[in-house]
């Protein structure tokens, strides 16, 4: 990237917003459990209800494990449907 390009773009949109634009690989995605937005590189995968689910932290992964171990997937799905 040339300095002229950086200068031109930074004056159009502000230097900080130009420098800290999210990269295409940093698009944020919602956590399966809590909905918190997370960067793609921070995604943790947890198997739940027969599929790999994207979660933001080990806490959300642990909750999914507990729900599945207690056989409460049906109740969890119902609760998620009520929130939507």
C-alpha atoms as a PDB file:
ATOM      1  CA  UNK A   1       0.000   0.000   0.000  1.00  0.00           C
ATOM      2  CA  UNK A   2       1.515   3.333  -1.002  1.00  0.00           C
ATOM      3  CA  UNK A   3       1.780   6.328   1.267  1.00  0.00           C
ATOM      4  CA  UNK A   4      -0.200   8.420  -1.222  1.00  0.00           C
ATOM      5  CA  UNK A   5      -3.066   5.917  -1.070  1.00  0.00           C
ATOM      6  CA  UNK A   6      -3.004   5.883   2.736  1.00  0.00           C
ATOM      7  CA  UNK A   7      -2.977   9.691   2.882  1.00  0.00           C
ATOM      8  CA  UNK A   8      -5.813  10.029   0.384  1.00  0.00           C
ATOM      9  CA  UNK A   9      -8.008   7.432   2.139  1.00  0.00           C
ATOM     10  CA  UNK A  10      -7.160   8.679   5.634  1.00  0.00           C
ATOM     11  CA  UNK A  11      -8.216  12.227   4.784  1.00  0.00           C
ATOM     12  CA  UNK A  12     -11.483  10.955   3.355  1.00  0.00           C
ATOM     13  CA  UNK A  13     -12.465   8.723   6.258  1.00  0.00           C
ATOM     14  CA  UNK A  14     -10.235   9.706   9.170  1.00  0.00           C
ATOM     15  CA  UNK A  15      -6.858   8.140   9.870  1.00  0.00           C
ATOM     16  CA  UNK A  16      -7.896   5.978  12.815  1.00  0.00           C
ATOM     17  CA  UNK A  17     -10.996   4.532  11.181  1.00  0.00           C
ATOM     18  CA  UNK A  18      -8.944   3.732   8.063  1.00  0.00           C
ATOM     19  CA  UNK A  19      -6.136   2.044   9.978  1.00  0.00           C
ATOM     20  CA  UNK A  20      -8.446   0.041  12.216  1.00  0.00           C
ATOM     21  CA  UNK A  21     -10.988  -1.135   9.670  1.00  0.00           C
ATOM     22  CA  UNK A  22     -11.835  -4.788  10.248  1.00  0.00           C
ATOM     23  CA  UNK A  23     -10.057  -7.036   7.803  1.00  0.00           C
ATOM     24  CA  UNK A  24     -12.231  -9.425   5.780  1.00  0.00           C
ATOM     25  CA  UNK A  25     -10.980 -12.307   7.946  1.00  0.00           C
ATOM     26  CA  UNK A  26     -11.952 -10.389  11.101  1.00  0.00           C
ATOM     27  CA  UNK A  27     -15.665 -10.278  10.385  1.00  0.00           C
ATOM     28  CA  UNK A  28     -17.517 -10.770  13.662  1.00  0.00           C
ATOM     29  CA  UNK A  29     -19.906 -13.645  14.198  1.00  0.00           C
ATOM     30  CA  UNK A  30     -22.399 -14.305  17.008  1.00  0.00           C
ATOM     31  CA  UNK A  31     -21.747 -16.928  19.676  1.00  0.00           C
ATOM     32  CA  UNK A  32     -24.203 -19.839  19.439  1.00  0.00           C
ATOM     33  CA  UNK A  33     -24.993 -19.666  23.170  1.00  0.00           C
ATOM     34  CA  UNK A  34     -24.850 -16.040  24.316  1.00  0.00           C
ATOM     35  CA  UNK A  35     -24.892 -14.113  21.029  1.00  0.00           C
ATOM     36  CA  UNK A  36     -21.727 -12.147  21.837  1.00  0.00           C
ATOM     37  CA  UNK A  37     -19.968 -11.006  18.668  1.00  0.00           C
ATOM     38  CA  UNK A  38     -16.544 -12.593  18.220  1.00  0.00           C
ATOM     39  CA  UNK A  39     -13.779 -12.405  15.673  1.00  0.00           C
ATOM     40  CA  UNK A  40     -13.563 -15.409  13.384  1.00  0.00           C
ATOM     41  CA  UNK A  41     -10.060 -16.189  14.643  1.00  0.00           C
ATOM     42  CA  UNK A  42     -11.359 -16.417  18.246  1.00  0.00           C
ATOM     43  CA  UNK A  43     -14.119 -18.938  17.506  1.00  0.00           C
ATOM     44  CA  UNK A  44     -14.193 -22.127  19.576  1.00  0.00           C
ATOM     45  CA  UNK A  45     -16.046 -25.136  18.195  1.00  0.00           C
ATOM     46  CA  UNK A  46     -18.178 -27.235  20.532  1.00  0.00           C
ATOM     47  CA  UNK A  47     -20.221 -30.238  19.478  1.00  0.00           C
ATOM     48  CA  UNK A  48     -23.804 -29.810  20.641  1.00  0.00           C
ATOM     49  CA  UNK A  49     -26.950 -31.592  19.560  1.00  0.00           C
ATOM     50  CA  UNK A  50     -25.089 -33.451  16.813  1.00  0.00           C
ATOM     51  CA  UNK A  51     -23.431 -30.432  15.167  1.00  0.00           C
ATOM     52  CA  UNK A  52     -20.341 -28.268  15.633  1.00  0.00           C
ATOM     53  CA  UNK A  53     -21.392 -24.939  17.185  1.00  0.00           C
ATOM     54  CA  UNK A  54     -19.338 -21.740  17.253  1.00  0.00           C
ATOM     55  CA  UNK A  55     -18.942 -20.299  20.752  1.00  0.00           C
ATOM     56  CA  UNK A  56     -17.001 -17.324  22.087  1.00  0.00           C
ATOM     57  CA  UNK A  57     -15.446 -18.797  25.236  1.00  0.00           C
ATOM     58  CA  UNK A  58     -14.885 -21.895  27.319  1.00  0.00           C
ATOM     59  CA  UNK A  59     -17.766 -20.856  29.584  1.00  0.00           C
ATOM     60  CA  UNK A  60     -20.303 -21.047  26.762  1.00  0.00           C
ATOM     61  CA  UNK A  61     -18.743 -24.330  25.601  1.00  0.00           C
ATOM     62  CA  UNK A  62     -19.044 -25.700  29.144  1.00  0.00           C
ATOM     63  CA  UNK A  63     -22.706 -24.737  29.375  1.00  0.00           C
ATOM     64  CA  UNK A  64     -23.445 -26.606  26.139  1.00  0.00           C
ATOM     65  CA  UNK A  65     -21.610 -29.665  27.503  1.00  0.00           C
ATOM     66  CA  UNK A  66     -23.636 -29.549  30.737  1.00  0.00           C
ATOM     67  CA  UNK A  67     -26.931 -29.169  28.865  1.00  0.00           C
ATOM     68  CA  UNK A  68     -26.099 -32.131  26.652  1.00  0.00           C
ATOM     69  CA  UNK A  69     -24.839 -34.281  29.545  1.00  0.00           C
ATOM     70  CA  UNK A  70     -28.087 -33.638  31.433  1.00  0.00           C
ATOM     71  CA  UNK A  71     -30.175 -34.466  28.336  1.00  0.00           C
ATOM     72  CA  UNK A  72     -31.795 -31.032  28.255  1.00  0.00           C
ATOM     73  CA  UNK A  73     -31.287 -30.233  24.562  1.00  0.00           C
ATOM     74  CA  UNK A  74     -35.042 -30.135  23.861  1.00  0.00           C
ATOM     75  CA  UNK A  75     -35.653 -27.601  26.653  1.00  0.00           C
ATOM     76  CA  UNK A  76     -32.678 -25.546  25.437  1.00  0.00           C
ATOM     77  CA  UNK A  77     -34.024 -25.465  21.878  1.00  0.00           C
ATOM     78  CA  UNK A  78     -37.466 -24.399  23.157  1.00  0.00           C
ATOM     79  CA  UNK A  79     -35.886 -21.607  25.207  1.00  0.00           C
ATOM     80  CA  UNK A  80     -33.899 -20.377  22.191  1.00  0.00           C
ATOM     81  CA  UNK A  81     -37.052 -20.375  20.040  1.00  0.00           C
ATOM     82  CA  UNK A  82     -38.909 -18.275  22.640  1.00  0.00           C
ATOM     83  CA  UNK A  83     -36.107 -15.669  22.610  1.00  0.00           C
ATOM     84  CA  UNK A  84     -36.167 -15.352  18.807  1.00  0.00           C
END
